[in-house]
Amino acid sequence: MNTSPQRYGYPAPNVTGVLEVPHFKESAAFLKKVLRKEGPLRLVVLSDRSETTDFTFESMKAQQDCELEVLKWCNPKTWQEWKDNVQEFQVQADAIAIYVYHTILRVRTANKASIQRSY
């Protein structure tokens, strides 16, 4: 489960499960040590447009502190938008954090209207 159990009508007596919550603050602190970064870590967070991302971004935003500066929370819809975000921030950010990409769409050719998933 990647969102609040209440959204699904839980808790229920006949259901068990685990709520997945990323350790964003701890991961950013570890990355800062690896990079030997002085001052706030400048990060861009990149993920697809999905309910999972919506919940996860809320959780990640709640974990921010003064040691972390998120330059942008990106959730592009297409593969081209994804690449544009990476190109825009690859120089400005210390790192680009990628969460999920499963719903990113890619146009196969300029002449076709067909769209497929990027994986």
Foldseek 3Di string as FASTA:
>chain_A
DQADVVVVVDDDPVDDDDHDADPQLVVLVVVCVVVVDDFAAEEEEEEADDPSLVRRVVRNVVNDDRNYHYPYHYHDQEPVVRVVVCVVCVVPGPYYHYDYQFRHWYDPDPVDPDIDRPD
